[in-house]
Amino acid sequence: MRTNKSLLYGLGTGLILGAVLLQLMNAASPGGHAMPESAIPETTVLDLDQKQLKEAASRYYKVFDKSEKLYSQQQLDSAVQQKLKEEKDKLAAQAPASPKETYIYISRGLVSYQVADLLYQSGVITDRKAFEDEMVKKQLNDKIVSGLHAFKGPQNLQQVIAIITAQ
């Protein structure tokens, strides 16, 4: 118990001494790291040329040239939306006339949910569950033909099933 008491006395004394030293340091330099007044030049804004004035102002403010155009957030958002609309219109005008062709290789032994995943990832079908339900409903799970299948343009579910089950 005696060793514990001396440890606590030492800690308390150290904390008090540290606090006193900190107060002493704060009292010695009241403004932190302030420059002595003799080091501050006695120039006014009228004595500075444009370059010096810009450098002095850039310490505290964002400085822009008068010729530089600044936008508010609302103006920027509307300009971005307008450019986006123009680009979409440009892409729509350049849309390919021929339908997109998609080729899928179905390997031997794949079941309907695996084929549905392949078709969904390639963009041929939009609903995996509907494809699987249709395959079960028509009992075509074991009738899937392995090999390379071509899909031209957008097709409905019946056409896709006909293509992958045709010999």
N, C-alpha and C. Protein backbone atom coordinates (compact mmCIF):
# COMPACT_ATOMS: atom_id res chain seq x y z
N MET A 1 0.83 -1.20 0.00
CA MET A 1 0.00 0.00 0.00
C MET A 1 0.86 1.24 0.00
N ARG A 2 2.04 1.17 0.65
CA ARG A 2 2.92 2.31 0.75
C ARG A 2 3.47 2.69 -0.62
N THR A 3 3.81 1.73 -1.46
CA THR A 3 4.35 2.02 -2.79
C THR A 3 3.31 2.70 -3.66
N ASN A 4 2.07 2.31 -3.51
CA ASN A 4 0.98 2.91 -4.27
C ASN A 4 0.80 4.38 -3.89
N LYS A 5 0.96 4.68 -2.61
CA LYS A 5 0.79 6.05 -2.13
C LYS A 5 1.88 6.96 -2.69
N SER A 6 3.08 6.48 -2.74
CA SER A 6 4.18 7.31 -3.27
C SER A 6 4.03 7.50 -4.79
N LEU A 7 3.51 6.52 -5.46
CA LEU A 7 3.27 6.65 -6.91
C LEU A 7 2.24 7.75 -7.17
N LEU A 8 1.17 7.75 -6.40
CA LEU A 8 0.14 8.76 -6.58
C LEU A 8 0.66 10.16 -6.25
N TYR A 9 1.49 10.29 -5.19
CA TYR A 9 2.09 11.59 -4.88
C TYR A 9 2.97 12.07 -6.03
N GLY A 10 3.73 11.18 -6.62
CA GLY A 10 4.61 11.54 -7.75
C GLY A 10 3.81 12.00 -8.96
N LEU A 11 2.74 11.27 -9.27
CA LEU A 11 1.90 11.65 -10.40
C LEU A 11 1.25 13.01 -10.18
N GLY A 12 0.71 13.23 -9.01
CA GLY A 12 0.07 14.51 -8.71
C GLY A 12 1.04 15.66 -8.79
N THR A 13 2.24 15.47 -8.24
CA THR A 13 3.27 16.52 -8.27
C THR A 13 3.68 16.81 -9.72
N GLY A 14 3.81 15.77 -10.55
CA GLY A 14 4.18 15.96 -11.95
C GLY A 14 3.12 16.71 -12.73
N LEU A 15 1.86 16.40 -12.47
CA LEU A 15 0.78 17.09 -13.16
C LEU A 15 0.73 18.57 -12.78
N ILE A 16 0.89 18.84 -11.49
CA ILE A 16 0.87 20.24 -11.04
C ILE A 16 2.04 21.00 -11.64
N LEU A 17 3.23 20.41 -11.63
CA LEU A 17 4.41 21.06 -12.19
C LEU A 17 4.24 21.31 -13.70
N GLY A 18 3.64 20.35 -14.43
CA GLY A 18 3.40 20.53 -15.86
C GLY A 18 2.42 21.65 -16.13
N ALA A 19 1.37 21.76 -15.32
CA ALA A 19 0.40 22.83 -15.50
C ALA A 19 1.02 24.19 -15.24
N VAL A 20 1.89 24.29 -14.21
CA VAL A 20 2.56 25.55 -13.91
C VAL A 20 3.48 25.94 -15.06
N LEU A 21 4.22 25.00 -15.62
CA LEU A 21 5.12 25.30 -16.74
C LEU A 21 4.33 25.74 -17.98
N LEU A 22 3.20 25.12 -18.23
CA LEU A 22 2.37 25.49 -19.37
C LEU A 22 1.86 26.92 -19.22
N GLN A 23 1.42 27.28 -18.03
CA GLN A 23 0.96 28.64 -17.77
C GLN A 23 2.10 29.64 -17.93
N LEU A 24 3.29 29.26 -17.54
CA LEU A 24 4.46 30.13 -17.67
C LEU A 24 4.78 30.37 -19.15
N MET A 25 4.69 29.33 -19.95
CA MET A 25 4.97 29.48 -21.38
C MET A 25 3.91 30.36 -22.05
N ASN A 26 2.65 30.18 -21.69
CA ASN A 26 1.58 31.00 -22.25
C ASN A 26 1.73 32.47 -21.85
N ALA A 27 2.18 32.72 -20.65
CA ALA A 27 2.36 34.10 -20.19
C ALA A 27 3.54 34.76 -20.90
N ALA A 28 4.55 33.99 -21.27
CA ALA A 28 5.74 34.55 -21.92
C ALA A 28 5.43 35.04 -23.32
N SER A 29 4.58 34.38 -24.07
CA SER A 29 4.24 34.82 -25.42
C SER A 29 2.72 34.93 -25.52
N PRO A 30 2.16 36.09 -25.25
CA PRO A 30 0.70 36.24 -25.21
C PRO A 30 0.03 36.06 -26.58
N GLY A 31 0.68 36.43 -27.67
CA GLY A 31 0.05 36.35 -28.99
C GLY A 31 0.45 35.10 -29.74
N GLY A 32 1.00 34.13 -29.10
CA GLY A 32 1.46 32.94 -29.82
C GLY A 32 2.77 33.26 -30.51
N HIS A 33 2.84 33.04 -31.80
CA HIS A 33 4.04 33.32 -32.59
C HIS A 33 3.83 34.58 -33.39
N ALA A 34 3.48 35.64 -32.78
CA ALA A 34 3.24 36.91 -33.47
C ALA A 34 4.56 37.55 -33.84
N MET A 35 4.54 38.25 -34.99
CA MET A 35 5.74 38.95 -35.44
C MET A 35 5.90 40.22 -34.61
N PRO A 36 7.13 40.61 -34.35
CA PRO A 36 7.31 41.89 -33.66
C PRO A 36 6.81 43.03 -34.54
N GLU A 37 6.34 44.08 -33.92
CA GLU A 37 5.72 45.18 -34.66
C GLU A 37 6.71 45.88 -35.59
N SER A 38 7.98 45.80 -35.28
CA SER A 38 8.97 46.45 -36.14
C SER A 38 9.13 45.70 -37.46
N ALA A 39 8.76 44.43 -37.52
CA ALA A 39 8.90 43.63 -38.74
C ALA A 39 7.74 43.86 -39.71
N ILE A 40 6.62 44.40 -39.25
CA ILE A 40 5.47 44.64 -40.12
C ILE A 40 5.72 45.93 -40.90
N PRO A 41 5.70 45.84 -42.23
CA PRO A 41 5.95 47.05 -43.03
C PRO A 41 4.79 48.03 -42.90
N GLU A 42 5.12 49.28 -42.97
CA GLU A 42 4.12 50.34 -42.83
C GLU A 42 3.64 50.80 -44.21
N THR A 43 3.18 49.86 -45.03
CA THR A 43 2.69 50.20 -46.37
C THR A 43 1.17 50.19 -46.35
N THR A 44 0.60 51.00 -47.20
CA THR A 44 -0.84 51.03 -47.34
C THR A 44 -1.23 50.43 -48.67
N VAL A 45 -2.50 50.25 -48.88
CA VAL A 45 -3.00 49.68 -50.13
C VAL A 45 -2.63 50.57 -51.31
N LEU A 46 -2.57 51.85 -51.10
CA LEU A 46 -2.25 52.78 -52.19
C LEU A 46 -0.80 52.66 -52.63
N ASP A 47 0.10 52.20 -51.74
CA ASP A 47 1.51 52.07 -52.07
C ASP A 47 1.83 50.80 -52.86
N LEU A 48 0.91 49.83 -52.89
CA LEU A 48 1.17 48.54 -53.55
C LEU A 48 0.76 48.59 -55.02
N ASP A 49 1.53 47.90 -55.86
CA ASP A 49 1.11 47.77 -57.25
C ASP A 49 0.15 46.57 -57.34
N GLN A 50 -0.34 46.29 -58.54
CA GLN A 50 -1.39 45.28 -58.71
C GLN A 50 -0.90 43.89 -58.31
N LYS A 51 0.31 43.53 -58.67
CA LYS A 51 0.83 42.19 -58.36
C LYS A 51 0.98 42.01 -56.85
N GLN A 52 1.54 43.02 -56.17
CA GLN A 52 1.73 42.93 -54.72
C GLN A 52 0.38 42.90 -53.99
N LEU A 53 -0.57 43.66 -54.49
CA LEU A 53 -1.89 43.69 -53.89
C LEU A 53 -2.57 42.32 -54.03
N LYS A 54 -2.41 41.69 -55.19
CA LYS A 54 -2.99 40.37 -55.43
C LYS A 54 -2.36 39.34 -54.51
N GLU A 55 -1.04 39.41 -54.34
CA GLU A 55 -0.36 38.48 -53.45
C GLU A 55 -0.80 38.67 -52.00
N ALA A 56 -0.94 39.91 -51.57
CA ALA A 56 -1.36 40.19 -50.20
C ALA A 56 -2.79 39.72 -49.95
N ALA A 57 -3.65 39.93 -50.92
CA ALA A 57 -5.05 39.54 -50.77
C ALA A 57 -5.21 38.02 -50.85
N SER A 58 -4.33 37.34 -51.60
CA SER A 58 -4.47 35.89 -51.76
C SER A 58 -4.13 35.14 -50.48
N ARG A 59 -3.52 35.79 -49.52
CA ARG A 59 -3.26 35.13 -48.24
C ARG A 59 -4.56 34.86 -47.49
N TYR A 60 -5.54 35.75 -47.64
CA TYR A 60 -6.76 35.65 -46.85
C TYR A 60 -8.01 35.37 -47.68
N TYR A 61 -7.94 35.62 -48.99
CA TYR A 61 -9.13 35.48 -49.84
C TYR A 61 -8.76 34.74 -51.12
N LYS A 62 -9.79 34.24 -51.80
CA LYS A 62 -9.61 33.68 -53.14
C LYS A 62 -9.64 34.84 -54.11
N VAL A 63 -8.60 34.97 -54.92
CA VAL A 63 -8.48 36.10 -55.84
C VAL A 63 -8.63 35.59 -57.27
N PHE A 64 -9.53 36.23 -58.03
CA PHE A 64 -9.76 35.87 -59.43
C PHE A 64 -9.58 37.10 -60.29
N ASP A 65 -9.18 36.89 -61.56
CA ASP A 65 -9.10 37.99 -62.51
C ASP A 65 -10.51 38.44 -62.88
N LYS A 66 -10.59 39.69 -63.29
CA LYS A 66 -11.89 40.24 -63.65
C LYS A 66 -12.44 39.56 -64.91
N SER A 67 -11.56 39.10 -65.79
CA SER A 67 -11.99 38.46 -67.03
C SER A 67 -12.46 37.02 -66.80
N GLU A 68 -12.19 36.46 -65.64
CA GLU A 68 -12.56 35.08 -65.34
C GLU A 68 -14.03 35.02 -64.95
N LYS A 69 -14.77 34.10 -65.58
CA LYS A 69 -16.21 33.97 -65.34
C LYS A 69 -16.43 33.03 -64.16
N LEU A 70 -17.19 33.48 -63.17
CA LEU A 70 -17.53 32.67 -62.01
C LEU A 70 -19.00 32.30 -62.07
N TYR A 71 -19.32 31.08 -61.67
CA TYR A 71 -20.69 30.58 -61.71
C TYR A 71 -21.15 30.24 -60.30
N SER A 72 -22.44 30.44 -60.07
CA SER A 72 -23.03 29.95 -58.82
C SER A 72 -23.34 28.47 -59.01
N GLN A 73 -23.68 27.80 -57.93
CA GLN A 73 -23.97 26.37 -58.02
C GLN A 73 -25.18 26.10 -58.91
N GLN A 74 -26.19 26.95 -58.85
CA GLN A 74 -27.39 26.77 -59.68
C GLN A 74 -27.06 26.96 -61.15
N GLN A 75 -26.23 27.95 -61.47
CA GLN A 75 -25.85 28.18 -62.87
C GLN A 75 -25.04 27.00 -63.39
N LEU A 76 -24.15 26.48 -62.57
CA LEU A 76 -23.33 25.35 -62.97
C LEU A 76 -24.20 24.12 -63.21
N ASP A 77 -25.15 23.86 -62.31
CA ASP A 77 -26.03 22.71 -62.47
C ASP A 77 -26.85 22.80 -63.75
N SER A 78 -27.38 23.98 -64.03
CA SER A 78 -28.18 24.13 -65.25
C SER A 78 -27.31 23.96 -66.50
N ALA A 79 -26.08 24.45 -66.48
CA ALA A 79 -25.18 24.29 -67.63
C ALA A 79 -24.84 22.82 -67.84
N VAL A 80 -24.62 22.09 -66.76
CA VAL A 80 -24.31 20.66 -66.87
C VAL A 80 -25.52 19.90 -67.42
N GLN A 81 -26.70 20.23 -66.94
CA GLN A 81 -27.92 19.57 -67.44
C GLN A 81 -28.13 19.85 -68.93
N GLN A 82 -27.85 21.07 -69.35
CA GLN A 82 -28.01 21.43 -70.76
C GLN A 82 -27.01 20.65 -71.61
N LYS A 83 -25.76 20.55 -71.19
CA LYS A 83 -24.75 19.79 -71.94
C LYS A 83 -25.12 18.32 -71.99
N LEU A 84 -25.63 17.80 -70.89
CA LEU A 84 -26.03 16.40 -70.84
C LEU A 84 -27.16 16.13 -71.82
N LYS A 85 -28.12 17.03 -71.89
CA LYS A 85 -29.24 16.88 -72.82
C LYS A 85 -28.74 16.94 -74.26
N GLU A 86 -27.82 17.86 -74.55
CA GLU A 86 -27.26 17.97 -75.90
C GLU A 86 -26.55 16.68 -76.30
N GLU A 87 -25.77 16.11 -75.38
CA GLU A 87 -25.05 14.87 -75.68
C GLU A 87 -26.00 13.70 -75.90
N LYS A 88 -27.07 13.64 -75.11
CA LYS A 88 -28.06 12.57 -75.30
C LYS A 88 -28.74 12.70 -76.66
N ASP A 89 -29.07 13.94 -77.03
CA ASP A 89 -29.68 14.16 -78.34
C ASP A 89 -28.73 13.78 -79.47
N LYS A 90 -27.45 14.10 -79.28
CA LYS A 90 -26.45 13.76 -80.29
C LYS A 90 -26.31 12.24 -80.43
N LEU A 91 -26.32 11.52 -79.30
CA LEU A 91 -26.23 10.07 -79.34
C LEU A 91 -27.48 9.45 -79.96
N ALA A 92 -28.64 10.02 -79.67
CA ALA A 92 -29.87 9.50 -80.24
C ALA A 92 -29.88 9.70 -81.76
N ALA A 93 -29.31 10.79 -82.24
CA ALA A 93 -29.25 11.04 -83.69
C ALA A 93 -28.29 10.08 -84.38
N GLN A 94 -27.27 9.63 -83.64
CA GLN A 94 -26.28 8.74 -84.22
C GLN A 94 -26.58 7.28 -83.93
N ALA A 95 -27.79 6.96 -83.49
CA ALA A 95 -28.16 5.59 -83.14
C ALA A 95 -27.97 4.68 -84.35
N PRO A 96 -27.42 3.51 -84.14
CA PRO A 96 -27.19 2.60 -85.27
C PRO A 96 -28.50 2.11 -85.87
N ALA A 97 -28.53 2.01 -87.19
CA ALA A 97 -29.74 1.58 -87.89
C ALA A 97 -29.94 0.08 -87.77
N SER A 98 -28.84 -0.68 -87.70
CA SER A 98 -28.96 -2.13 -87.61
C SER A 98 -29.11 -2.55 -86.14
N PRO A 99 -29.92 -3.58 -85.88
CA PRO A 99 -30.10 -4.03 -84.51
C PRO A 99 -28.82 -4.67 -83.96
N LYS A 100 -28.68 -4.62 -82.67
CA LYS A 100 -27.51 -5.16 -81.99
C LYS A 100 -27.56 -6.68 -82.00
N GLU A 101 -26.43 -7.28 -82.30
CA GLU A 101 -26.35 -8.74 -82.30
C GLU A 101 -25.60 -9.18 -81.06
N THR A 102 -26.13 -10.21 -80.40
CA THR A 102 -25.50 -10.75 -79.21
C THR A 102 -25.31 -12.24 -79.43
N TYR A 103 -24.09 -12.71 -79.17
CA TYR A 103 -23.77 -14.13 -79.30
C TYR A 103 -23.48 -14.70 -77.92
N ILE A 104 -24.11 -15.84 -77.64
CA ILE A 104 -23.92 -16.48 -76.35
C ILE A 104 -23.58 -17.95 -76.59
N TYR A 105 -22.53 -18.40 -75.89
CA TYR A 105 -22.17 -19.82 -75.98
C TYR A 105 -22.69 -20.52 -74.74
N ILE A 106 -23.53 -21.51 -74.97
CA ILE A 106 -24.08 -22.31 -73.87
C ILE A 106 -23.35 -23.65 -73.89
N SER A 107 -22.62 -23.90 -72.83
CA SER A 107 -21.86 -25.16 -72.78
C SER A 107 -22.75 -26.31 -72.31
N ARG A 108 -22.28 -27.50 -72.57
CA ARG A 108 -23.04 -28.71 -72.25
C ARG A 108 -23.20 -28.84 -70.73
N GLY A 109 -24.40 -29.17 -70.29
CA GLY A 109 -24.65 -29.42 -68.88
C GLY A 109 -25.19 -28.24 -68.10
N LEU A 110 -25.34 -27.10 -68.73
CA LEU A 110 -25.90 -25.95 -68.02
C LEU A 110 -27.40 -26.13 -67.84
N VAL A 111 -27.89 -25.73 -66.67
CA VAL A 111 -29.33 -25.83 -66.39
C VAL A 111 -29.96 -24.46 -66.61
N SER A 112 -31.28 -24.39 -66.48
CA SER A 112 -32.00 -23.18 -66.88
C SER A 112 -31.61 -21.95 -66.06
N TYR A 113 -31.34 -22.09 -64.77
CA TYR A 113 -30.99 -20.89 -64.00
C TYR A 113 -29.61 -20.36 -64.40
N GLN A 114 -28.70 -21.25 -64.81
CA GLN A 114 -27.39 -20.80 -65.28
C GLN A 114 -27.52 -20.12 -66.65
N VAL A 115 -28.35 -20.66 -67.51
CA VAL A 115 -28.59 -20.05 -68.82
C VAL A 115 -29.29 -18.70 -68.64
N ALA A 116 -30.23 -18.64 -67.70
CA ALA A 116 -30.92 -17.38 -67.42
C ALA A 116 -29.94 -16.33 -66.95
N ASP A 117 -28.97 -16.71 -66.14
CA ASP A 117 -27.95 -15.77 -65.67
C ASP A 117 -27.11 -15.27 -66.85
N LEU A 118 -26.72 -16.17 -67.75
CA LEU A 118 -25.96 -15.76 -68.95
C LEU A 118 -26.75 -14.77 -69.80
N LEU A 119 -28.01 -15.11 -70.05
CA LEU A 119 -28.84 -14.25 -70.89
C LEU A 119 -29.11 -12.90 -70.25
N TYR A 120 -29.27 -12.89 -68.93
CA TYR A 120 -29.52 -11.62 -68.22
C TYR A 120 -28.28 -10.74 -68.24
N GLN A 121 -27.11 -11.32 -68.00
CA GLN A 121 -25.86 -10.54 -67.98
C GLN A 121 -25.54 -9.97 -69.35
N SER A 122 -25.91 -10.68 -70.40
CA SER A 122 -25.63 -10.18 -71.75
C SER A 122 -26.70 -9.21 -72.24
N GLY A 123 -27.81 -9.09 -71.53
CA GLY A 123 -28.83 -8.12 -71.89
C GLY A 123 -29.89 -8.66 -72.84
N VAL A 124 -29.93 -9.96 -73.06
CA VAL A 124 -30.93 -10.53 -73.96
C VAL A 124 -32.29 -10.57 -73.29
N ILE A 125 -32.33 -10.94 -72.00
CA ILE A 125 -33.58 -10.94 -71.25
C ILE A 125 -33.48 -9.92 -70.12
N THR A 126 -34.64 -9.49 -69.63
CA THR A 126 -34.65 -8.50 -68.55
C THR A 126 -35.10 -9.08 -67.23
N ASP A 127 -35.66 -10.31 -67.24
CA ASP A 127 -36.17 -10.90 -66.01
C ASP A 127 -35.76 -12.37 -65.95
N ARG A 128 -34.87 -12.70 -65.04
CA ARG A 128 -34.41 -14.09 -64.90
C ARG A 128 -35.53 -15.01 -64.44
N LYS A 129 -36.26 -14.55 -63.45
CA LYS A 129 -37.31 -15.39 -62.84
C LYS A 129 -38.37 -15.76 -63.86
N ALA A 130 -38.77 -14.81 -64.70
CA ALA A 130 -39.78 -15.09 -65.72
C ALA A 130 -39.27 -16.14 -66.71
N PHE A 131 -38.00 -16.04 -67.06
CA PHE A 131 -37.40 -17.01 -67.99
C PHE A 131 -37.40 -18.40 -67.36
N GLU A 132 -36.97 -18.49 -66.11
CA GLU A 132 -36.92 -19.79 -65.44
C GLU A 132 -38.32 -20.38 -65.28
N ASP A 133 -39.29 -19.54 -64.92
CA ASP A 133 -40.67 -20.02 -64.76
C ASP A 133 -41.22 -20.54 -66.09
N GLU A 134 -40.92 -19.85 -67.18
CA GLU A 134 -41.40 -20.27 -68.49
C GLU A 134 -40.76 -21.59 -68.91
N MET A 135 -39.48 -21.74 -68.60
CA MET A 135 -38.79 -23.00 -68.94
C MET A 135 -39.39 -24.17 -68.15
N VAL A 136 -39.72 -23.96 -66.88
CA VAL A 136 -40.32 -25.01 -66.06
C VAL A 136 -41.73 -25.30 -66.54
N LYS A 137 -42.47 -24.25 -66.85
CA LYS A 137 -43.86 -24.40 -67.30
C LYS A 137 -43.94 -25.22 -68.58
N LYS A 138 -43.02 -25.00 -69.51
CA LYS A 138 -43.03 -25.73 -70.78
C LYS A 138 -42.20 -27.02 -70.72
N GLN A 139 -41.60 -27.29 -69.57
CA GLN A 139 -40.78 -28.49 -69.34
C GLN A 139 -39.65 -28.59 -70.37
N LEU A 140 -38.90 -27.48 -70.50
CA LEU A 140 -37.81 -27.43 -71.48
C LEU A 140 -36.44 -27.37 -70.82
N ASN A 141 -36.36 -27.64 -69.52
CA ASN A 141 -35.08 -27.54 -68.82
C ASN A 141 -34.02 -28.49 -69.39
N ASP A 142 -34.43 -29.67 -69.82
CA ASP A 142 -33.47 -30.63 -70.38
C ASP A 142 -33.38 -30.54 -71.91
N LYS A 143 -34.04 -29.59 -72.51
CA LYS A 143 -34.05 -29.43 -73.97
C LYS A 143 -33.13 -28.29 -74.44
N ILE A 144 -32.35 -27.71 -73.54
CA ILE A 144 -31.46 -26.60 -73.91
C ILE A 144 -30.32 -27.16 -74.76
N VAL A 145 -30.13 -26.58 -75.92
CA VAL A 145 -29.11 -27.02 -76.86
C VAL A 145 -27.81 -26.28 -76.58
N SER A 146 -26.73 -27.05 -76.43
CA SER A 146 -25.43 -26.41 -76.19
C SER A 146 -24.86 -25.92 -77.51
N GLY A 147 -24.07 -24.87 -77.42
CA GLY A 147 -23.46 -24.30 -78.61
C GLY A 147 -23.59 -22.79 -78.64
N LEU A 148 -23.28 -22.21 -79.79
CA LEU A 148 -23.32 -20.76 -79.96
C LEU A 148 -24.70 -20.35 -80.49
N HIS A 149 -25.31 -19.39 -79.80
CA HIS A 149 -26.63 -18.90 -80.18
C HIS A 149 -26.53 -17.41 -80.46
N ALA A 150 -27.19 -16.95 -81.53
CA ALA A 150 -27.16 -15.54 -81.92
C ALA A 150 -28.54 -14.92 -81.67
N PHE A 151 -28.52 -13.74 -81.06
CA PHE A 151 -29.75 -12.99 -80.80
C PHE A 151 -29.61 -11.63 -81.46
N LYS A 152 -30.52 -11.32 -82.39
CA LYS A 152 -30.45 -10.06 -83.13
C LYS A 152 -31.57 -9.15 -82.68
N GLY A 153 -31.20 -8.00 -82.13
CA GLY A 153 -32.17 -7.01 -81.71
C GLY A 153 -32.94 -7.45 -80.47
N PRO A 154 -33.86 -6.63 -80.03
CA PRO A 154 -34.66 -6.98 -78.86
C PRO A 154 -35.64 -8.10 -79.21
N GLN A 155 -35.74 -9.09 -78.31
CA GLN A 155 -36.63 -10.23 -78.55
C GLN A 155 -37.42 -10.50 -77.28
N ASN A 156 -38.59 -11.10 -77.48
CA ASN A 156 -39.40 -11.44 -76.31
C ASN A 156 -38.96 -12.80 -75.77
N LEU A 157 -39.54 -13.19 -74.67
CA LEU A 157 -39.15 -14.40 -73.96
C LEU A 157 -39.38 -15.66 -74.80
N GLN A 158 -40.48 -15.70 -75.53
CA GLN A 158 -40.81 -16.87 -76.35
C GLN A 158 -39.78 -17.07 -77.45
N GLN A 159 -39.33 -15.98 -78.07
CA GLN A 159 -38.34 -16.08 -79.14
C GLN A 159 -37.00 -16.56 -78.59
N VAL A 160 -36.63 -16.08 -77.43
CA VAL A 160 -35.36 -16.50 -76.82
C VAL A 160 -35.40 -17.98 -76.49
N ILE A 161 -36.51 -18.44 -75.93
CA ILE A 161 -36.64 -19.87 -75.59
C ILE A 161 -36.60 -20.73 -76.85
N ALA A 162 -37.25 -20.24 -77.92
CA ALA A 162 -37.25 -20.98 -79.18
C ALA A 162 -35.83 -21.10 -79.74
N ILE A 163 -35.04 -20.03 -79.60
CA ILE A 163 -33.68 -20.06 -80.14
C ILE A 163 -32.79 -21.02 -79.37
N ILE A 164 -32.87 -21.02 -78.06
CA ILE A 164 -31.94 -21.87 -77.29
C ILE A 164 -32.38 -23.33 -77.22
N THR A 165 -33.64 -23.63 -77.60
CA THR A 165 -34.09 -25.03 -77.58
C THR A 165 -34.17 -25.61 -78.99
N ALA A 166 -33.93 -24.81 -80.02
CA ALA A 166 -34.00 -25.31 -81.40
C ALA A 166 -32.75 -26.10 -81.72
N GLN A 167 -32.93 -27.18 -82.49
CA GLN A 167 -31.79 -28.02 -82.87
C GLN A 167 -30.98 -27.41 -83.98
